[in-house]
N, C-alpha and C. Protein backbone atom coordinates (compact mmCIF):
# COMPACT_ATOMS: atom_id res chain seq x y z
N UNK A 1 0.81 -1.05 -0.37
CA UNK A 1 0.02 0.30 0.11
C UNK A 1 1.04 0.84 -0.29
N UNK A 2 0.15 2.26 -0.27
CA UNK A 2 0.84 3.37 -0.41
C UNK A 2 1.87 3.87 0.68
N UNK A 3 2.56 4.24 0.88
CA UNK A 3 3.71 4.34 2.08
C UNK A 3 3.57 3.69 2.68
N UNK A 4 3.29 2.39 2.85
CA UNK A 4 3.92 1.48 3.59
C UNK A 4 4.96 1.25 3.88
N UNK A 5 5.65 0.48 5.09
CA UNK A 5 7.32 0.26 5.44
C UNK A 5 7.31 -1.13 4.97
N UNK A 6 8.87 -1.18 4.19
CA UNK A 6 9.09 -2.32 4.19
C UNK A 6 10.22 -2.49 4.78
N UNK A 7 9.87 -4.13 5.01
CA UNK A 7 11.02 -4.57 6.19
C UNK A 7 12.01 -5.87 5.39
N UNK A 8 12.94 -5.12 6.22
CA UNK A 8 14.13 -5.98 5.46
C UNK A 8 14.70 -6.97 6.76
N UNK A 9 14.78 -8.27 7.02
CA UNK A 9 15.26 -9.18 7.62
C UNK A 9 16.49 -10.24 7.35
N UNK A 10 17.23 -10.35 8.38
CA UNK A 10 18.12 -11.77 7.62
C UNK A 10 18.16 -12.59 8.26
N UNK A 11 18.02 -14.03 7.81
CA UNK A 11 18.31 -14.80 8.85
C UNK A 11 19.34 -15.73 8.04
N UNK A 12 20.39 -16.82 9.01
CA UNK A 12 21.27 -17.66 8.48
C UNK A 12 21.37 -18.78 8.64
N UNK A 13 22.21 -19.74 8.68
CA UNK A 13 22.64 -20.94 8.93
C UNK A 13 24.00 -21.20 8.55
N UNK A 14 24.36 -22.92 8.56
CA UNK A 14 25.97 -22.98 8.56
C UNK A 14 25.89 -22.50 6.84
N UNK A 15 25.03 -22.80 5.83
CA UNK A 15 24.72 -23.31 4.44
C UNK A 15 24.56 -21.99 3.96
N UNK A 16 23.30 -21.50 4.09
CA UNK A 16 22.51 -20.68 3.67
C UNK A 16 22.09 -19.29 4.35
N UNK A 17 22.00 -17.86 3.99
CA UNK A 17 21.64 -17.00 4.18
C UNK A 17 20.60 -16.14 3.27
N UNK A 18 19.37 -16.28 4.50
CA UNK A 18 18.04 -15.81 3.60
C UNK A 18 17.64 -14.40 3.88
N UNK A 19 17.80 -13.53 2.76
CA UNK A 19 17.34 -11.81 2.92
C UNK A 19 15.85 -11.98 2.67
N UNK A 20 14.89 -11.43 3.70
CA UNK A 20 13.50 -11.28 3.77
C UNK A 20 12.72 -10.49 3.57
N UNK A 21 12.18 -9.97 2.55
CA UNK A 21 11.63 -8.34 2.62
C UNK A 21 10.43 -8.85 2.58
N UNK A 22 9.84 -8.08 3.59
CA UNK A 22 7.96 -8.15 3.67
C UNK A 22 7.71 -6.73 3.78
N UNK A 23 6.00 -6.52 2.64
CA UNK A 23 5.54 -5.44 2.33
C UNK A 23 4.50 -5.75 2.66
N UNK A 24 3.38 -4.65 3.31
CA UNK A 24 1.80 -4.52 3.39
C UNK A 24 1.41 -4.46 1.64
N UNK A 25 0.03 -5.09 1.61
CA UNK A 25 -0.12 -5.19 -0.11
C UNK A 25 -1.46 -5.71 -0.12
N UNK A 26 -2.14 -5.47 -1.40
CA UNK A 26 -3.54 -6.46 -1.71
C UNK A 26 -2.36 -8.04 -1.72
N UNK A 27 -3.51 -8.89 -1.27
CA UNK A 27 -2.94 -10.66 -1.25
C UNK A 27 -2.64 -10.76 -2.78
N UNK A 28 -1.91 -11.11 -3.32
CA UNK A 28 -1.80 -11.98 -4.44
C UNK A 28 -1.97 -13.13 -4.47
N UNK A 29 -2.89 -13.68 -5.57
CA UNK A 29 -3.72 -15.09 -5.66
C UNK A 29 -2.61 -15.94 -6.05
N UNK A 30 -2.99 -17.40 -4.99
CA UNK A 30 -1.61 -18.20 -5.66
C UNK A 30 -1.53 -18.64 -6.71
N UNK A 31 -2.36 -18.62 -7.89
CA UNK A 31 -2.71 -18.72 -9.27
C UNK A 31 -1.36 -17.60 -9.73
N UNK A 32 -1.39 -16.30 -9.56
CA UNK A 32 -0.67 -15.19 -10.04
C UNK A 32 0.60 -15.42 -8.87
N UNK A 33 0.64 -15.29 -8.16
CA UNK A 33 2.04 -15.71 -7.46
C UNK A 33 2.85 -16.13 -7.76
N UNK A 34 2.45 -17.62 -8.49
CA UNK A 34 3.25 -18.35 -9.41
C UNK A 34 3.90 -18.02 -10.41
N UNK A 35 3.60 -16.67 -11.10
CA UNK A 35 4.15 -16.17 -11.98
C UNK A 35 4.16 -14.96 -12.40
N UNK A 36 4.68 -14.29 -11.09
CA UNK A 36 5.47 -12.96 -10.33
C UNK A 36 6.64 -12.81 -11.17
N UNK A 37 7.86 -13.88 -11.29
CA UNK A 37 8.91 -13.24 -11.85
C UNK A 37 8.95 -14.18 -13.21
N UNK A 38 7.99 -14.30 -14.23
CA UNK A 38 7.92 -13.86 -15.16
C UNK A 38 8.23 -12.45 -15.88
N UNK A 39 8.94 -12.45 -17.19
CA UNK A 39 8.91 -11.82 -17.52
C UNK A 39 7.93 -11.12 -18.38
N UNK A 40 7.46 -9.23 -18.06
CA UNK A 40 6.43 -8.84 -18.41
C UNK A 40 5.26 -8.82 -17.84
N UNK A 41 4.99 -9.86 -16.91
CA UNK A 41 3.67 -10.10 -16.54
C UNK A 41 3.64 -9.38 -14.91
N UNK A 42 2.24 -8.75 -14.94
CA UNK A 42 1.80 -7.90 -14.23
C UNK A 42 0.56 -8.86 -13.16
N UNK A 43 0.56 -8.64 -12.08
CA UNK A 43 -0.35 -8.88 -11.64
C UNK A 43 -1.58 -8.48 -11.58
N UNK A 44 -1.72 -6.82 -11.50
CA UNK A 44 -2.99 -6.28 -12.34
C UNK A 44 -2.67 -5.80 -13.66
N UNK A 45 -3.47 -6.65 -14.27
CA UNK A 45 -3.57 -6.43 -16.26
C UNK A 45 -3.45 -5.20 -16.34
N UNK A 46 -4.31 -4.74 -15.73
CA UNK A 46 -4.62 -2.88 -15.94
C UNK A 46 -3.86 -2.04 -15.99
N UNK A 47 -2.66 -2.57 -15.52
CA UNK A 47 -1.37 -1.22 -15.05
C UNK A 47 -0.40 -1.24 -16.31
N UNK A 48 -0.25 0.09 -17.03
CA UNK A 48 0.74 0.37 -18.00
C UNK A 48 1.78 0.90 -17.28
N UNK A 49 3.03 0.84 -18.42
CA UNK A 49 4.01 1.88 -17.54
C UNK A 49 4.37 2.99 -17.17
N UNK A 50 2.96 3.42 -17.18
CA UNK A 50 2.79 4.79 -16.61
C UNK A 50 2.58 4.52 -15.21
N UNK A 51 1.46 3.43 -14.80
CA UNK A 51 1.05 3.64 -13.40
C UNK A 51 1.50 2.28 -12.71
N UNK A 52 2.79 1.53 -13.54
CA UNK A 52 3.22 0.36 -12.38
C UNK A 52 4.32 -0.25 -13.30
N UNK A 53 5.63 -0.57 -13.40
CA UNK A 53 6.44 -1.11 -14.29
C UNK A 53 6.19 -1.50 -15.25
N UNK A 54 7.27 -2.30 -15.87
CA UNK A 54 7.52 -2.81 -17.47
C UNK A 54 7.00 -4.39 -16.96
N UNK A 55 7.00 -4.73 -15.82
CA UNK A 55 7.10 -6.45 -15.47
C UNK A 55 8.43 -7.12 -15.71
N UNK A 56 9.53 -6.47 -15.69
CA UNK A 56 11.02 -6.70 -15.77
C UNK A 56 11.87 -7.05 -14.22
N UNK A 57 11.14 -6.16 -13.06
CA UNK A 57 12.34 -6.02 -11.89
C UNK A 57 12.36 -7.36 -11.29
N UNK A 58 11.17 -8.13 -11.12
CA UNK A 58 11.46 -9.46 -10.37
C UNK A 58 11.80 -10.62 -11.01
N UNK A 59 11.86 -10.23 -12.66
CA UNK A 59 12.61 -11.40 -13.77
C UNK A 59 14.20 -10.95 -13.70
N UNK A 60 14.54 -9.87 -13.28
CA UNK A 60 15.85 -9.31 -13.37
C UNK A 60 16.44 -9.92 -11.81
N UNK A 61 15.43 -9.75 -11.08
CA UNK A 61 16.24 -10.51 -9.46
C UNK A 61 16.23 -11.37 -9.79
N UNK A 62 15.14 -12.74 -9.89
CA UNK A 62 15.58 -14.22 -9.74
C UNK A 62 16.91 -14.60 -10.88
N UNK A 63 17.03 -13.93 -12.19
CA UNK A 63 18.14 -14.11 -12.40
C UNK A 63 19.43 -13.68 -11.59
N UNK A 64 19.74 -12.66 -11.32
CA UNK A 64 20.72 -12.12 -10.55
C UNK A 64 20.85 -13.30 -9.08
N UNK A 65 19.49 -13.49 -8.80
CA UNK A 65 20.07 -14.38 -7.42
C UNK A 65 20.51 -15.97 -8.16
N UNK A 66 19.80 -16.28 -8.72
CA UNK A 66 20.54 -18.01 -9.80
C UNK A 66 21.74 -18.03 -9.83
N UNK A 67 21.98 -16.67 -10.64
CA UNK A 67 23.37 -16.37 -11.12
C UNK A 67 24.60 -16.63 -10.05
N UNK A 68 24.39 -16.11 -8.81
CA UNK A 68 25.28 -16.91 -7.63
C UNK A 68 24.61 -17.97 -6.79
N UNK A 69 23.64 -18.71 -7.20
CA UNK A 69 23.67 -19.94 -6.81
C UNK A 69 22.70 -19.91 -5.89
N UNK A 70 21.61 -19.02 -5.65
CA UNK A 70 20.42 -18.85 -5.13
C UNK A 70 19.49 -19.30 -5.76
N UNK A 71 18.45 -18.82 -5.04
CA UNK A 71 16.79 -19.22 -4.79
C UNK A 71 15.84 -17.98 -4.49
N UNK A 72 15.03 -17.56 -5.01
CA UNK A 72 14.46 -16.61 -4.48
C UNK A 72 12.48 -16.61 -4.74
N UNK A 73 11.16 -16.75 -3.56
CA UNK A 73 10.61 -16.76 -3.65
C UNK A 73 9.29 -15.91 -3.09
N UNK A 74 8.10 -16.03 -3.45
CA UNK A 74 7.30 -15.17 -2.97
C UNK A 74 6.23 -15.71 -2.32
N UNK A 75 5.55 -15.27 -1.44
CA UNK A 75 4.38 -15.81 -0.91
C UNK A 75 3.66 -14.24 -0.40
N UNK A 76 2.40 -14.66 -0.26
CA UNK A 76 1.43 -13.32 -0.13
C UNK A 76 0.44 -14.01 0.81
N UNK A 77 0.14 -13.69 2.25
CA UNK A 77 -1.39 -13.77 2.36
C UNK A 77 -1.96 -12.54 3.40
N UNK A 78 -2.33 -12.35 3.60
CA UNK A 78 -3.56 -11.42 4.74
C UNK A 78 -2.64 -10.18 4.71
N UNK A 79 -2.57 -9.52 3.55
CA UNK A 79 -2.74 -8.71 2.90
C UNK A 79 -1.23 -8.18 3.47
N UNK A 80 -0.16 -9.42 3.45
CA UNK A 80 1.31 -9.43 3.50
C UNK A 80 2.01 -9.51 2.17
N UNK A 81 2.98 -9.65 1.75
CA UNK A 81 3.99 -9.74 0.60
C UNK A 81 5.15 -10.07 0.87
N UNK A 82 5.98 -11.30 0.58
CA UNK A 82 7.18 -11.52 0.97
C UNK A 82 7.91 -12.24 0.33
N UNK A 83 9.03 -11.98 -0.19
CA UNK A 83 10.28 -12.10 -1.15
C UNK A 83 11.32 -12.75 0.11
N UNK A 84 11.59 -14.18 -0.40
CA UNK A 84 12.89 -14.84 0.43
C UNK A 84 13.80 -14.64 -0.54
N UNK A 85 14.86 -13.98 -0.32
CA UNK A 85 16.07 -14.36 -1.47
C UNK A 85 17.02 -15.58 -0.89
N UNK A 86 17.01 -16.73 -0.64
CA UNK A 86 18.37 -17.35 -0.27
C UNK A 86 19.04 -17.67 -1.32
N UNK A 87 20.75 -17.62 -0.85
CA UNK A 87 21.95 -17.81 -1.00
C UNK A 87 22.95 -18.86 -0.65
N UNK A 88 24.04 -19.04 -1.02
CA UNK A 88 24.57 -20.09 -0.72
C UNK A 88 25.07 -19.13 0.24
N UNK A 89 25.67 -19.26 1.65
CA UNK A 89 26.98 -18.66 2.46
C UNK A 89 28.04 -18.61 1.78
N UNK A 90 28.35 -19.79 1.27
CA UNK A 90 29.81 -19.30 0.67
C UNK A 90 30.01 -18.17 -0.28
N UNK A 91 29.04 -18.08 -1.19
CA UNK A 91 28.78 -16.85 -2.26
C UNK A 91 29.06 -15.56 -1.53
N UNK A 92 29.12 -15.13 -0.21
CA UNK A 92 28.74 -14.30 0.42
C UNK A 92 29.77 -13.74 1.43
N UNK A 93 30.21 -14.67 2.13
CA UNK A 93 31.43 -14.69 2.46
C UNK A 93 32.70 -14.36 2.03
């Protein structure tokens, strides 16, 4: 939602570092959530480049994370959207 706070947190174990991004927003239905990392995909199909990006940001983010041996996932429920970036610890340290 406009002017909402984005929380960034970090969790790590011996093998992985998780970077977690939480934001308030309209819950994304699970069938659409699976597609948010596709190039040019927008959850709200009525948006255009003047009202909401080109649909490339998450696709590029996914490619960058995977290039470093990691994975990225999205979750959404109760008007909270969460992105988790999981990176191998050896690539970070």
